[in-house]
Amino acid sequence: MASKEVDNKQVIFKDYINGLPDESDMLLKHNKLTLQLDDGSQDVLVKNLYLSCDPYMRIRMRNIIACTTPLRPGSVITGNGVSIVLISNHPEFQQGDFVTGLIGWEEYSIIPGGMNLMKIKYTDAPLSYYLGVLGLVGLTTYVGIYELNSPKTGESVYISAAAGAVGQLAGQFAKLLGCYVVGSAGSKEKVDLLKSRLGFDDAFNYKEEPDLNAALKKYLPNGIDVYFENVGGDMLEAVLENMNVHGRINVCGMISHYNLEEGKGIRNLTQLIFKRLKMDAFIAPDYVHMYAEYVEKAREYLKEGKIVYIEDIVDGLENAPSAFVGLFHGKNIGKQIVRICDK
């Protein structure tokens, strides 16, 4: 029987960029793909269902080696996704399996040797959750709250970018530990969401606060014991002024720095000394060994209604560039997902 040839829509990364990303930095292209694999390989051919838009991907659009490898100009953009296996030469994956891992921004991908693919064990939750609460995003948040400088009952926790993929979970996990939790976000709608659906004790719109230092004193009058850092820049400076002695800062991201050509210095790092603060950074790949354990706990929390998860899903691969760019303008509410197709 002849192998089937399909049209494979792809999003191509044009070239390394300066400043804020733009939709024009990405190109929609159509290629033909034959649905077959080379004999003797352990490759896996998948149909892609969901793509994850993540701020860290902006770092990969620069010609630097950071905590991840840069994208190659002229190549298909790659990122985390959820797929269904169409053909497999790999013993661990079978036709019809749902998998998650690093895939192309395209309708079909061939994964050499099944590299970085994980079989989705449970399908009783939305598959898109494996890019958020049941994926590496959730694991990252769990590590930042439960494993790294974990807050104690009664402590004050502040979370920036609190309505995003990570921030919304960080706040809920901290509440499960009995903490007083305050978050910041960039719109009234997001602030209302934090307080009404996500259980934050209080929240504020940082765009409406001309003095971030004063805002933190207002919303956290007893100071900050633990800061879950997602922003950097001016926000970090204001936080340092409001940290309590022996406070802890868990650095998950610094989105305000990702589009800068030159790094922006923090002017009051002496507060680390004066207040004997502890500041730790972390990334998900360092904790992959905890993933299976985390998924079991997160599924339990979801089933018991202890946590909820907000997604912002756009339909169509052609809308992936605008969805990604929107991250840097605060357009998403919750985890930004691109749905290519359901199954």
C-alpha atoms as a PDB file:
ATOM      1  CA  MET A   1       0.000   0.000   0.000  1.00  0.00           C
ATOM      2  CA  ALA A   2       1.369   3.418  -0.965  1.00  0.00           C
ATOM      3  CA  SER A   3       2.148   5.820   1.858  1.00  0.00           C
ATOM      4  CA  LYS A   4      -0.160   8.797   2.163  1.00  0.00           C
ATOM      5  CA  GLU A   5       1.143  12.274   1.344  1.00  0.00           C
ATOM      6  CA  VAL A   6      -0.301  15.199   3.301  1.00  0.00           C
ATOM      7  CA  ASP A   7      -0.037  18.962   3.329  1.00  0.00           C
ATOM      8  CA  ASN A   8       1.952  19.949   6.414  1.00  0.00           C
ATOM      9  CA  LYS A   9       1.356  23.527   7.504  1.00  0.00           C
ATOM     10  CA  GLN A  10       4.351  24.938   9.435  1.00  0.00           C
ATOM     11  CA  VAL A  11       5.421  28.089  11.280  1.00  0.00           C
ATOM     12  CA  ILE A  12       8.970  29.068  10.294  1.00  0.00           C
ATOM     13  CA  PHE A  13      11.312  31.213  12.381  1.00  0.00           C
ATOM     14  CA  LYS A  14      12.729  33.855  10.049  1.00  0.00           C
ATOM     15  CA  ASP A  15      15.808  35.228  11.839  1.00  0.00           C
ATOM     16  CA  TYR A  16      17.155  36.348  15.192  1.00  0.00           C
ATOM     17  CA  ILE A  17      15.298  39.369  16.480  1.00  0.00           C
ATOM     18  CA  ASN A  18      15.893  42.487  18.525  1.00  0.00           C
ATOM     19  CA  GLY A  19      13.358  43.908  20.928  1.00  0.00           C
ATOM     20  CA  LEU A  20       9.766  42.740  21.126  1.00  0.00           C
ATOM     21  CA  PRO A  21       8.807  39.836  18.851  1.00  0.00           C
ATOM     22  CA  ASP A  22       6.413  40.538  16.003  1.00  0.00           C
ATOM     23  CA  GLU A  23       4.188  38.298  13.923  1.00  0.00           C
ATOM     24  CA  SER A  24       6.348  39.200  10.917  1.00  0.00           C
ATOM     25  CA  ASP A  25       9.264  37.372  12.572  1.00  0.00           C
ATOM     26  CA  MET A  26       7.431  34.129  11.803  1.00  0.00           C
ATOM     27  CA  LEU A  27       6.285  32.773   8.447  1.00  0.00           C
ATOM     28  CA  LEU A  28       3.469  30.360   7.637  1.00  0.00           C
ATOM     29  CA  LYS A  29       4.549  27.758   5.100  1.00  0.00           C
ATOM     30  CA  HIS A  30       3.088  24.638   3.464  1.00  0.00           C
ATOM     31  CA  ASN A  31       5.186  21.538   2.791  1.00  0.00           C
ATOM     32  CA  LYS A  32       4.326  18.067   1.611  1.00  0.00           C
ATOM     33  CA  LEU A  33       5.028  15.192   3.999  1.00  0.00           C
ATOM     34  CA  THR A  34       4.836  11.477   3.316  1.00  0.00           C
ATOM     35  CA  LEU A  35       3.387   9.614   6.273  1.00  0.00           C
ATOM     36  CA  GLN A  36       6.056   6.968   6.633  1.00  0.00           C
ATOM     37  CA  LEU A  37       9.210   6.285   8.641  1.00  0.00           C
ATOM     38  CA  ASP A  38      12.583   4.895   7.667  1.00  0.00           C
ATOM     39  CA  ASP A  39      12.997   1.183   8.291  1.00  0.00           C
ATOM     40  CA  GLY A  40      15.369   0.448  11.158  1.00  0.00           C
ATOM     41  CA  SER A  41      14.810   3.787  12.891  1.00  0.00           C
ATOM     42  CA  GLN A  42      13.105   4.317  16.233  1.00  0.00           C
ATOM     43  CA  ASP A  43      11.381   7.448  14.990  1.00  0.00           C
ATOM     44  CA  VAL A  44       7.815   8.427  15.838  1.00  0.00           C
ATOM     45  CA  LEU A  45       5.442  10.262  13.497  1.00  0.00           C
ATOM     46  CA  VAL A  46       2.810  12.330  15.289  1.00  0.00           C
ATOM     47  CA  LYS A  47      -0.137  14.521  14.465  1.00  0.00           C
ATOM     48  CA  ASN A  48       0.067  17.643  16.587  1.00  0.00           C
ATOM     49  CA  LEU A  49      -2.999  18.684  18.557  1.00  0.00           C
ATOM     50  CA  TYR A  50      -1.979  21.481  20.936  1.00  0.00           C
ATOM     51  CA  LEU A  51       0.973  23.870  21.108  1.00  0.00           C
ATOM     52  CA  SER A  52       2.232  25.761  24.136  1.00  0.00           C
ATOM     53  CA  CYS A  53       3.162  29.454  23.924  1.00  0.00           C
ATOM     54  CA  ASP A  54       5.766  30.206  26.598  1.00  0.00           C
ATOM     55  CA  PRO A  55       7.721  33.402  27.356  1.00  0.00           C
ATOM     56  CA  TYR A  56      11.041  31.482  27.548  1.00  0.00           C
ATOM     57  CA  MET A  57      10.747  30.861  23.802  1.00  0.00           C
ATOM     58  CA  ARG A  58      11.680  34.511  23.275  1.00  0.00           C
ATOM     59  CA  ILE A  59      15.141  33.673  24.662  1.00  0.00           C
ATOM     60  CA  ARG A  60      15.519  31.059  21.914  1.00  0.00           C
ATOM     61  CA  MET A  61      15.000  33.788  19.301  1.00  0.00           C
ATOM     62  CA  ARG A  62      18.407  35.245  20.133  1.00  0.00           C
ATOM     63  CA  ASN A  63      21.731  33.834  19.035  1.00  0.00           C
ATOM     64  CA  ILE A  64      22.886  33.008  22.524  1.00  0.00           C
ATOM     65  CA  ILE A  65      23.227  29.828  24.548  1.00  0.00           C
ATOM     66  CA  ALA A  66      21.277  30.223  27.765  1.00  0.00           C
ATOM     67  CA  CYS A  67      19.351  27.498  29.584  1.00  0.00           C
ATOM     68  CA  THR A  68      18.044  26.316  26.213  1.00  0.00           C
ATOM     69  CA  THR A  69      19.354  26.127  22.646  1.00  0.00           C
ATOM     70  CA  PRO A  70      18.441  28.892  20.184  1.00  0.00           C
ATOM     71  CA  LEU A  71      16.109  28.369  17.261  1.00  0.00           C
ATOM     72  CA  ARG A  72      17.671  28.105  13.807  1.00  0.00           C
ATOM     73  CA  PRO A  73      16.667  30.805  11.312  1.00  0.00           C
ATOM     74  CA  GLY A  74      14.701  29.290   8.458  1.00  0.00           C
ATOM     75  CA  SER A  75      13.617  26.281  10.527  1.00  0.00           C
ATOM     76  CA  VAL A  76      10.322  25.222  12.057  1.00  0.00           C
ATOM     77  CA  ILE A  77       9.747  26.699  15.496  1.00  0.00           C
ATOM     78  CA  THR A  78       9.799  24.059  18.210  1.00  0.00           C
ATOM     79  CA  GLY A  79       8.120  24.061  21.583  1.00  0.00           C
ATOM     80  CA  ASN A  80       6.141  21.928  23.983  1.00  0.00           C
ATOM     81  CA  GLY A  81       3.058  20.288  22.565  1.00  0.00           C
ATOM     82  CA  VAL A  82       0.544  17.474  22.768  1.00  0.00           C
ATOM     83  CA  SER A  83       0.229  15.012  19.881  1.00  0.00           C
ATOM     84  CA  ILE A  84      -1.244  11.675  18.850  1.00  0.00           C
ATOM     85  CA  VAL A  85       1.001   8.941  17.473  1.00  0.00           C
ATOM     86  CA  LEU A  86       0.239   7.974  13.873  1.00  0.00           C
ATOM     87  CA  ILE A  87       3.199   5.669  13.164  1.00  0.00           C
ATOM     88  CA  SER A  88       5.839   4.425  15.585  1.00  0.00           C
ATOM     89  CA  ASN A  89       9.066   2.484  15.186  1.00  0.00           C
ATOM     90  CA  HIS A  90       9.791   3.003  18.874  1.00  0.00           C
ATOM     91  CA  PRO A  91       8.936   0.185  21.327  1.00  0.00           C
ATOM     92  CA  GLU A  92       7.592   2.607  23.948  1.00  0.00           C
ATOM     93  CA  PHE A  93       5.017   4.265  21.699  1.00  0.00           C
ATOM     94  CA  GLN A  94       2.105   2.778  19.790  1.00  0.00           C
ATOM     95  CA  GLN A  95      -0.327   4.114  17.217  1.00  0.00           C
ATOM     96  CA  GLY A  96      -3.066   6.056  18.988  1.00  0.00           C
ATOM     97  CA  ASP A  97      -0.974   6.982  22.033  1.00  0.00           C
ATOM     98  CA  PHE A  98      -1.270  10.562  23.237  1.00  0.00           C
ATOM     99  CA  VAL A  99       2.143  12.056  23.933  1.00  0.00           C
ATOM    100  CA  THR A 100       3.660  15.308  25.086  1.00  0.00           C
ATOM    101  CA  GLY A 101       7.114  16.713  24.442  1.00  0.00           C
ATOM    102  CA  LEU A 102       9.156  19.003  22.224  1.00  0.00           C
ATOM    103  CA  ILE A 103       7.478  19.156  18.820  1.00  0.00           C
ATOM    104  CA  GLY A 104       7.421  21.415  15.782  1.00  0.00           C
ATOM    105  CA  TRP A 105       4.957  24.220  15.235  1.00  0.00           C
ATOM    106  CA  GLU A 106       3.430  22.227  12.406  1.00  0.00           C
ATOM    107  CA  GLU A 107       0.565  19.856  11.762  1.00  0.00           C
ATOM    108  CA  TYR A 108       2.738  16.723  11.638  1.00  0.00           C
ATOM    109  CA  SER A 109       6.160  16.038  13.145  1.00  0.00           C
ATOM    110  CA  ILE A 110       8.680  13.224  12.914  1.00  0.00           C
ATOM    111  CA  ILE A 111      10.386  12.843  16.279  1.00  0.00           C
ATOM    112  CA  PRO A 112      13.834  11.229  15.817  1.00  0.00           C
ATOM    113  CA  GLY A 113      14.171   8.291  18.188  1.00  0.00           C
ATOM    114  CA  GLY A 114      11.086   9.477  20.071  1.00  0.00           C
ATOM    115  CA  MET A 115      13.371  12.030  21.714  1.00  0.00           C
ATOM    116  CA  ASN A 116      11.874  13.858  24.716  1.00  0.00           C
ATOM    117  CA  LEU A 117       8.425  12.325  24.193  1.00  0.00           C
ATOM    118  CA  MET A 118       6.382  11.220  27.204  1.00  0.00           C
ATOM    119  CA  LYS A 119       3.280   9.068  26.951  1.00  0.00           C
ATOM    120  CA  ILE A 120       0.219  10.655  28.518  1.00  0.00           C
ATOM    121  CA  LYS A 121      -0.937   8.175  31.129  1.00  0.00           C
ATOM    122  CA  TYR A 122      -4.272   9.753  32.047  1.00  0.00           C
ATOM    123  CA  THR A 123      -6.781  11.095  29.534  1.00  0.00           C
ATOM    124  CA  ASP A 124      -9.612  11.948  31.937  1.00  0.00           C
ATOM    125  CA  ALA A 125      -8.470  15.593  31.993  1.00  0.00           C
ATOM    126  CA  PRO A 126      -8.277  17.930  28.978  1.00  0.00           C
ATOM    127  CA  LEU A 127      -5.217  17.019  26.904  1.00  0.00           C
ATOM    128  CA  SER A 128      -4.221  20.688  26.857  1.00  0.00           C
ATOM    129  CA  TYR A 129      -3.651  20.460  30.627  1.00  0.00           C
ATOM    130  CA  TYR A 130      -0.431  18.575  29.824  1.00  0.00           C
ATOM    131  CA  LEU A 131       0.967  21.895  28.625  1.00  0.00           C
ATOM    132  CA  GLY A 132      -0.061  23.583  31.850  1.00  0.00           C
ATOM    133  CA  VAL A 133      -1.203  22.270  35.193  1.00  0.00           C
ATOM    134  CA  LEU A 134      -0.321  18.630  34.362  1.00  0.00           C
ATOM    135  CA  GLY A 135       2.818  19.512  32.411  1.00  0.00           C
ATOM    136  CA  LEU A 136       6.208  21.069  33.001  1.00  0.00           C
ATOM    137  CA  VAL A 137       4.533  24.399  33.790  1.00  0.00           C
ATOM    138  CA  GLY A 138       2.792  22.771  36.738  1.00  0.00           C
ATOM    139  CA  LEU A 139       5.931  20.954  37.808  1.00  0.00           C
ATOM    140  CA  THR A 140       7.889  24.213  37.704  1.00  0.00           C
ATOM    141  CA  THR A 141       5.347  25.904  39.939  1.00  0.00           C
ATOM    142  CA  TYR A 142       5.190  22.986  42.331  1.00  0.00           C
ATOM    143  CA  VAL A 143       8.970  23.033  42.736  1.00  0.00           C
ATOM    144  CA  GLY A 144       8.956  26.782  43.303  1.00  0.00           C
ATOM    145  CA  ILE A 145       6.393  26.561  46.086  1.00  0.00           C
ATOM    146  CA  TYR A 146       6.857  23.159  47.723  1.00  0.00           C
ATOM    147  CA  GLU A 147      10.510  22.276  47.196  1.00  0.00           C
ATOM    148  CA  LEU A 148      12.428  25.551  47.004  1.00  0.00           C
ATOM    149  CA  ASN A 149      12.233  27.828  50.059  1.00  0.00           C
ATOM    150  CA  SER A 150       8.706  26.644  50.768  1.00  0.00           C
ATOM    151  CA  PRO A 151       6.473  29.205  52.494  1.00  0.00           C
ATOM    152  CA  LYS A 152       5.117  28.391  55.936  1.00  0.00           C
ATOM    153  CA  THR A 153       1.590  28.674  57.254  1.00  0.00           C
ATOM    154  CA  GLY A 154       0.734  32.293  57.982  1.00  0.00           C
ATOM    155  CA  GLU A 155       3.531  33.793  55.894  1.00  0.00           C
ATOM    156  CA  SER A 156       2.915  36.488  53.291  1.00  0.00           C
ATOM    157  CA  VAL A 157       3.541  35.432  49.702  1.00  0.00           C
ATOM    158  CA  TYR A 158       3.647  37.788  46.721  1.00  0.00           C
ATOM    159  CA  ILE A 159       3.407  36.579  43.119  1.00  0.00           C
ATOM    160  CA  SER A 160       4.031  38.735  40.045  1.00  0.00           C
ATOM    161  CA  ALA A 161       2.446  37.911  36.660  1.00  0.00           C
ATOM    162  CA  ALA A 162      -0.068  36.082  38.823  1.00  0.00           C
ATOM    163  CA  ALA A 163      -2.701  35.487  36.133  1.00  0.00           C
ATOM    164  CA  GLY A 164      -0.325  33.657  33.815  1.00  0.00           C
ATOM    165  CA  ALA A 165       0.368  29.967  33.319  1.00  0.00           C
ATOM    166  CA  VAL A 166       2.631  29.694  36.379  1.00  0.00           C
ATOM    167  CA  GLY A 167       1.433  32.515  38.608  1.00  0.00           C
ATOM    168  CA  GLN A 168      -2.136  31.263  38.913  1.00  0.00           C
ATOM    169  CA  LEU A 169      -0.888  27.916  40.250  1.00  0.00           C
ATOM    170  CA  ALA A 170       1.734  29.453  42.520  1.00  0.00           C
ATOM    171  CA  GLY A 171      -0.958  31.416  44.319  1.00  0.00           C
ATOM    172  CA  GLN A 172      -3.236  28.414  44.744  1.00  0.00           C
ATOM    173  CA  PHE A 173      -0.421  26.180  45.987  1.00  0.00           C
ATOM    174  CA  ALA A 174       0.592  28.841  48.517  1.00  0.00           C
ATOM    175  CA  LYS A 175      -3.007  29.095  49.723  1.00  0.00           C
ATOM    176  CA  LEU A 176      -3.059  25.313  50.261  1.00  0.00           C
ATOM    177  CA  LEU A 177      -0.124  25.855  52.622  1.00  0.00           C
ATOM    178  CA  GLY A 178      -2.133  28.396  54.632  1.00  0.00           C
ATOM    179  CA  CYS A 179      -0.362  31.537  53.421  1.00  0.00           C
ATOM    180  CA  TYR A 180      -1.610  35.068  52.861  1.00  0.00           C
ATOM    181  CA  VAL A 181      -1.288  35.494  49.083  1.00  0.00           C
ATOM    182  CA  VAL A 182      -1.234  38.655  46.991  1.00  0.00           C
ATOM    183  CA  GLY A 183      -0.750  38.777  43.222  1.00  0.00           C
ATOM    184  CA  SER A 184      -0.301  41.422  40.577  1.00  0.00           C
ATOM    185  CA  ALA A 185      -1.490  41.425  36.983  1.00  0.00           C
ATOM    186  CA  GLY A 186      -1.949  43.885  34.128  1.00  0.00           C
ATOM    187  CA  SER A 187      -5.704  44.416  33.863  1.00  0.00           C
ATOM    188  CA  LYS A 188      -8.841  44.744  35.986  1.00  0.00           C
ATOM    189  CA  GLU A 189     -10.191  41.523  34.451  1.00  0.00           C
ATOM    190  CA  LYS A 190      -7.121  39.604  35.561  1.00  0.00           C
ATOM    191  CA  VAL A 191      -7.169  41.109  39.044  1.00  0.00           C
ATOM    192  CA  ASP A 192     -10.839  40.158  39.444  1.00  0.00           C
ATOM    193  CA  LEU A 193     -10.016  36.622  38.281  1.00  0.00           C
ATOM    194  CA  LEU A 194      -7.270  36.264  40.881  1.00  0.00           C
ATOM    195  CA  LYS A 195      -9.625  37.184  43.702  1.00  0.00           C
ATOM    196  CA  SER A 196     -12.875  35.597  42.514  1.00  0.00           C
ATOM    197  CA  ARG A 197     -11.793  32.285  40.964  1.00  0.00           C
ATOM    198  CA  LEU A 198      -8.204  31.618  42.008  1.00  0.00           C
ATOM    199  CA  GLY A 199      -8.537  32.344  45.717  1.00  0.00           C
ATOM    200  CA  PHE A 200      -5.915  35.077  46.147  1.00  0.00           C
ATOM    201  CA  ASP A 201      -6.427  37.142  49.294  1.00  0.00           C
ATOM    202  CA  ASP A 202      -5.781  40.337  47.363  1.00  0.00           C
ATOM    203  CA  ALA A 203      -4.472  41.529  44.014  1.00  0.00           C
ATOM    204  CA  PHE A 204      -3.664  44.748  42.177  1.00  0.00           C
ATOM    205  CA  ASN A 205      -3.130  46.064  38.661  1.00  0.00           C
ATOM    206  CA  TYR A 206       0.517  47.070  38.495  1.00  0.00           C
ATOM    207  CA  LYS A 207      -0.170  49.288  35.457  1.00  0.00           C
ATOM    208  CA  GLU A 208      -2.329  51.530  37.624  1.00  0.00           C
ATOM    209  CA  GLU A 209       0.319  51.890  40.320  1.00  0.00           C
ATOM    210  CA  PRO A 210       2.754  54.771  39.666  1.00  0.00           C
ATOM    211  CA  ASP A 211       4.829  53.732  42.691  1.00  0.00           C
ATOM    212  CA  LEU A 212       5.318  49.953  42.964  1.00  0.00           C
ATOM    213  CA  ASN A 213       7.093  50.302  46.301  1.00  0.00           C
ATOM    214  CA  ALA A 214       4.082  52.090  47.769  1.00  0.00           C
ATOM    215  CA  ALA A 215       1.696  49.577  46.192  1.00  0.00           C
ATOM    216  CA  LEU A 216       3.453  46.652  47.846  1.00  0.00           C
ATOM    217  CA  LYS A 217       3.410  48.418  51.206  1.00  0.00           C
ATOM    218  CA  LYS A 218      -0.341  48.940  50.758  1.00  0.00           C
ATOM    219  CA  TYR A 219      -1.254  45.388  49.738  1.00  0.00           C
ATOM    220  CA  LEU A 220       1.313  43.630  51.923  1.00  0.00           C
ATOM    221  CA  PRO A 221       1.534  45.854  55.021  1.00  0.00           C
ATOM    222  CA  ASN A 222       3.326  43.148  56.999  1.00  0.00           C
ATOM    223  CA  GLY A 223       6.015  42.767  54.348  1.00  0.00           C
ATOM    224  CA  ILE A 224       6.832  39.856  52.046  1.00  0.00           C
ATOM    225  CA  ASP A 225       8.177  36.558  53.342  1.00  0.00           C
ATOM    226  CA  VAL A 226       8.293  34.732  50.008  1.00  0.00           C
ATOM    227  CA  TYR A 227       8.324  36.292  46.542  1.00  0.00           C
ATOM    228  CA  PHE A 228       7.604  34.109  43.504  1.00  0.00           C
ATOM    229  CA  GLU A 229       9.461  36.009  40.791  1.00  0.00           C
ATOM    230  CA  ASN A 230       8.183  36.072  37.214  1.00  0.00           C
ATOM    231  CA  VAL A 231       8.959  39.627  36.099  1.00  0.00           C
ATOM    232  CA  GLY A 232      12.267  41.171  37.232  1.00  0.00           C
ATOM    233  CA  GLY A 233      13.143  44.819  36.561  1.00  0.00           C
ATOM    234  CA  ASP A 234      11.354  47.564  38.472  1.00  0.00           C
ATOM    235  CA  MET A 235       9.106  45.031  40.181  1.00  0.00           C
ATOM    236  CA  LEU A 236      12.055  43.166  41.668  1.00  0.00           C
ATOM    237  CA  GLU A 237      13.544  46.410  42.946  1.00  0.00           C
ATOM    238  CA  ALA A 238      10.271  47.287  44.685  1.00  0.00           C
ATOM    239  CA  VAL A 239       9.991  43.786  46.136  1.00  0.00           C
ATOM    240  CA  LEU A 240      13.494  43.944  47.606  1.00  0.00           C
ATOM    241  CA  GLU A 241      12.486  47.068  49.526  1.00  0.00           C
ATOM    242  CA  ASN A 242       9.484  45.224  50.976  1.00  0.00           C
ATOM    243  CA  MET A 243      10.999  41.834  51.820  1.00  0.00           C
ATOM    244  CA  ASN A 244      11.075  40.802  55.461  1.00  0.00           C
ATOM    245  CA  VAL A 245      14.293  39.781  57.169  1.00  0.00           C
ATOM    246  CA  HIS A 246      15.239  36.221  56.179  1.00  0.00           C
ATOM    247  CA  GLY A 247      12.745  36.350  53.318  1.00  0.00           C
ATOM    248  CA  ARG A 248      13.082  34.100  50.275  1.00  0.00           C
ATOM    249  CA  ILE A 249      12.874  34.891  46.570  1.00  0.00           C
ATOM    250  CA  ASN A 250      12.185  32.025  44.173  1.00  0.00           C
ATOM    251  CA  VAL A 251      13.132  33.080  40.647  1.00  0.00           C
ATOM    252  CA  CYS A 252      11.020  31.352  38.007  1.00  0.00           C
ATOM    253  CA  GLY A 253      11.222  33.957  35.222  1.00  0.00           C
ATOM    254  CA  MET A 254      11.985  37.577  34.339  1.00  0.00           C
ATOM    255  CA  ILE A 255       9.788  38.401  31.378  1.00  0.00           C
ATOM    256  CA  SER A 256      10.604  42.119  31.517  1.00  0.00           C
ATOM    257  CA  HIS A 257      14.212  41.298  30.551  1.00  0.00           C
ATOM    258  CA  TYR A 258      13.652  38.891  27.661  1.00  0.00           C
ATOM    259  CA  ASN A 259      13.334  41.590  24.990  1.00  0.00           C
ATOM    260  CA  LEU A 260      16.235  43.772  26.197  1.00  0.00           C
ATOM    261  CA  GLU A 261      19.399  43.895  24.118  1.00  0.00           C
ATOM    262  CA  GLU A 262      21.417  44.770  27.195  1.00  0.00           C
ATOM    263  CA  GLY A 263      20.699  43.457  30.651  1.00  0.00           C
ATOM    264  CA  LYS A 264      19.028  45.831  33.087  1.00  0.00           C
ATOM    265  CA  GLY A 265      20.690  46.078  36.466  1.00  0.00           C
ATOM    266  CA  ILE A 266      18.905  45.892  39.793  1.00  0.00           C
ATOM    267  CA  ARG A 267      20.031  48.888  41.855  1.00  0.00           C
ATOM    268  CA  ASN A 268      19.258  47.739  45.391  1.00  0.00           C
ATOM    269  CA  LEU A 269      20.760  44.262  45.644  1.00  0.00           C
ATOM    270  CA  THR A 270      22.347  45.339  48.914  1.00  0.00           C
ATOM    271  CA  GLN A 271      18.961  44.508  50.428  1.00  0.00           C
ATOM    272  CA  LEU A 272      19.989  40.861  50.041  1.00  0.00           C
ATOM    273  CA  ILE A 273      22.682  41.529  52.613  1.00  0.00           C
ATOM    274  CA  PHE A 274      20.833  43.906  54.907  1.00  0.00           C
ATOM    275  CA  LYS A 275      17.831  41.575  55.206  1.00  0.00           C
ATOM    276  CA  ARG A 276      19.778  38.290  54.902  1.00  0.00           C
ATOM    277  CA  LEU A 277      17.588  37.243  51.995  1.00  0.00           C
ATOM    278  CA  LYS A 278      17.834  33.980  50.103  1.00  0.00           C
ATOM    279  CA  MET A 279      17.382  34.105  46.323  1.00  0.00           C
ATOM    280  CA  ASP A 280      17.210  30.903  44.257  1.00  0.00           C
ATOM    281  CA  ALA A 281      16.525  30.296  40.568  1.00  0.00           C
ATOM    282  CA  PHE A 282      15.187  27.087  39.067  1.00  0.00           C
ATOM    283  CA  ILE A 283      14.066  25.562  35.761  1.00  0.00           C
ATOM    284  CA  ALA A 284      11.860  22.561  35.091  1.00  0.00           C
ATOM    285  CA  PRO A 285      14.456  20.290  33.392  1.00  0.00           C
ATOM    286  CA  ASP A 286      16.357  20.058  36.675  1.00  0.00           C
ATOM    287  CA  TYR A 287      13.322  18.441  38.310  1.00  0.00           C
ATOM    288  CA  VAL A 288      11.966  16.136  35.606  1.00  0.00           C
ATOM    289  CA  HIS A 289      12.610  13.192  37.931  1.00  0.00           C
ATOM    290  CA  MET A 290       9.740  14.520  40.065  1.00  0.00           C
ATOM    291  CA  TYR A 291       7.235  14.740  37.220  1.00  0.00           C
ATOM    292  CA  ALA A 292       5.374  11.447  37.753  1.00  0.00           C
ATOM    293  CA  GLU A 293       4.956  12.182  41.463  1.00  0.00           C
ATOM    294  CA  TYR A 294       3.759  15.695  40.704  1.00  0.00           C
ATOM    295  CA  VAL A 295       1.120  14.577  38.156  1.00  0.00           C
ATOM    296  CA  GLU A 296      -0.455  12.257  40.730  1.00  0.00           C
ATOM    297  CA  LYS A 297      -0.720  15.087  43.269  1.00  0.00           C
ATOM    298  CA  ALA A 298      -2.003  17.615  40.737  1.00  0.00           C
ATOM    299  CA  ARG A 299      -4.718  15.233  39.477  1.00  0.00           C
ATOM    300  CA  GLU A 300      -5.836  14.732  43.066  1.00  0.00           C
ATOM    301  CA  TYR A 301      -5.948  18.495  43.687  1.00  0.00           C
ATOM    302  CA  LEU A 302      -8.010  19.016  40.514  1.00  0.00           C
ATOM    303  CA  LYS A 303     -10.459  16.218  41.316  1.00  0.00           C
ATOM    304  CA  GLU A 304     -10.962  17.501  44.859  1.00  0.00           C
ATOM    305  CA  GLY A 305     -11.493  21.064  43.632  1.00  0.00           C
ATOM    306  CA  LYS A 306      -8.491  22.336  45.568  1.00  0.00           C
ATOM    307  CA  ILE A 307      -7.120  24.012  42.450  1.00  0.00           C
ATOM    308  CA  VAL A 308      -8.549  25.228  39.151  1.00  0.00           C
ATOM    309  CA  TYR A 309      -6.706  26.060  35.954  1.00  0.00           C
ATOM    310  CA  ILE A 310      -7.431  28.843  33.480  1.00  0.00           C
ATOM    311  CA  GLU A 311      -6.499  28.428  29.826  1.00  0.00           C
ATOM    312  CA  ASP A 312      -6.564  30.895  26.946  1.00  0.00           C
ATOM    313  CA  ILE A 313      -6.990  28.750  23.829  1.00  0.00           C
ATOM    314  CA  VAL A 314      -6.829  30.061  20.266  1.00  0.00           C
ATOM    315  CA  ASP A 315      -7.713  27.881  17.300  1.00  0.00           C
ATOM    316  CA  GLY A 316      -5.569  27.315  14.233  1.00  0.00           C
ATOM    317  CA  LEU A 317      -1.834  26.954  13.656  1.00  0.00           C
ATOM    318  CA  GLU A 318      -1.956  30.145  11.586  1.00  0.00           C
ATOM    319  CA  ASN A 319      -2.800  32.036  14.793  1.00  0.00           C
ATOM    320  CA  ALA A 320       0.216  30.736  16.736  1.00  0.00           C
ATOM    321  CA  PRO A 321       2.440  33.762  15.934  1.00  0.00           C
ATOM    322  CA  SER A 322      -0.136  36.286  17.179  1.00  0.00           C
ATOM    323  CA  ALA A 323      -0.789  34.185  20.292  1.00  0.00           C
ATOM    324  CA  PHE A 324       2.916  34.089  21.092  1.00  0.00           C
ATOM    325  CA  VAL A 325       3.426  37.810  20.495  1.00  0.00           C
ATOM    326  CA  GLY A 326       0.424  38.544  22.694  1.00  0.00           C
ATOM    327  CA  LEU A 327       2.256  37.108  25.713  1.00  0.00           C
ATOM    328  CA  PHE A 328       4.506  40.174  25.741  1.00  0.00           C
ATOM    329  CA  HIS A 329       1.571  42.575  25.629  1.00  0.00           C
ATOM    330  CA  GLY A 330      -0.424  40.884  28.374  1.00  0.00           C
ATOM    331  CA  LYS A 331      -3.204  39.745  26.047  1.00  0.00           C
ATOM    332  CA  ASN A 332      -3.506  36.222  27.433  1.00  0.00           C
ATOM    333  CA  ILE A 333      -5.542  35.368  30.499  1.00  0.00           C
ATOM    334  CA  GLY A 334      -4.164  32.147  31.937  1.00  0.00           C
ATOM    335  CA  LYS A 335      -2.078  29.595  30.049  1.00  0.00           C
ATOM    336  CA  GLN A 336      -1.755  30.422  26.331  1.00  0.00           C
ATOM    337  CA  ILE A 337      -2.510  27.407  24.150  1.00  0.00           C
ATOM    338  CA  VAL A 338      -2.869  26.977  20.394  1.00  0.00           C
ATOM    339  CA  ARG A 339      -5.280  24.232  19.340  1.00  0.00           C
ATOM    340  CA  ILE A 340      -4.392  22.802  15.931  1.00  0.00           C
ATOM    341  CA  CYS A 341      -7.100  20.153  16.081  1.00  0.00           C
ATOM    342  CA  ASP A 342      -8.805  18.012  18.714  1.00  0.00           C
ATOM    343  CA  LYS A 343      -7.750  14.533  17.531  1.00  0.00           C
END
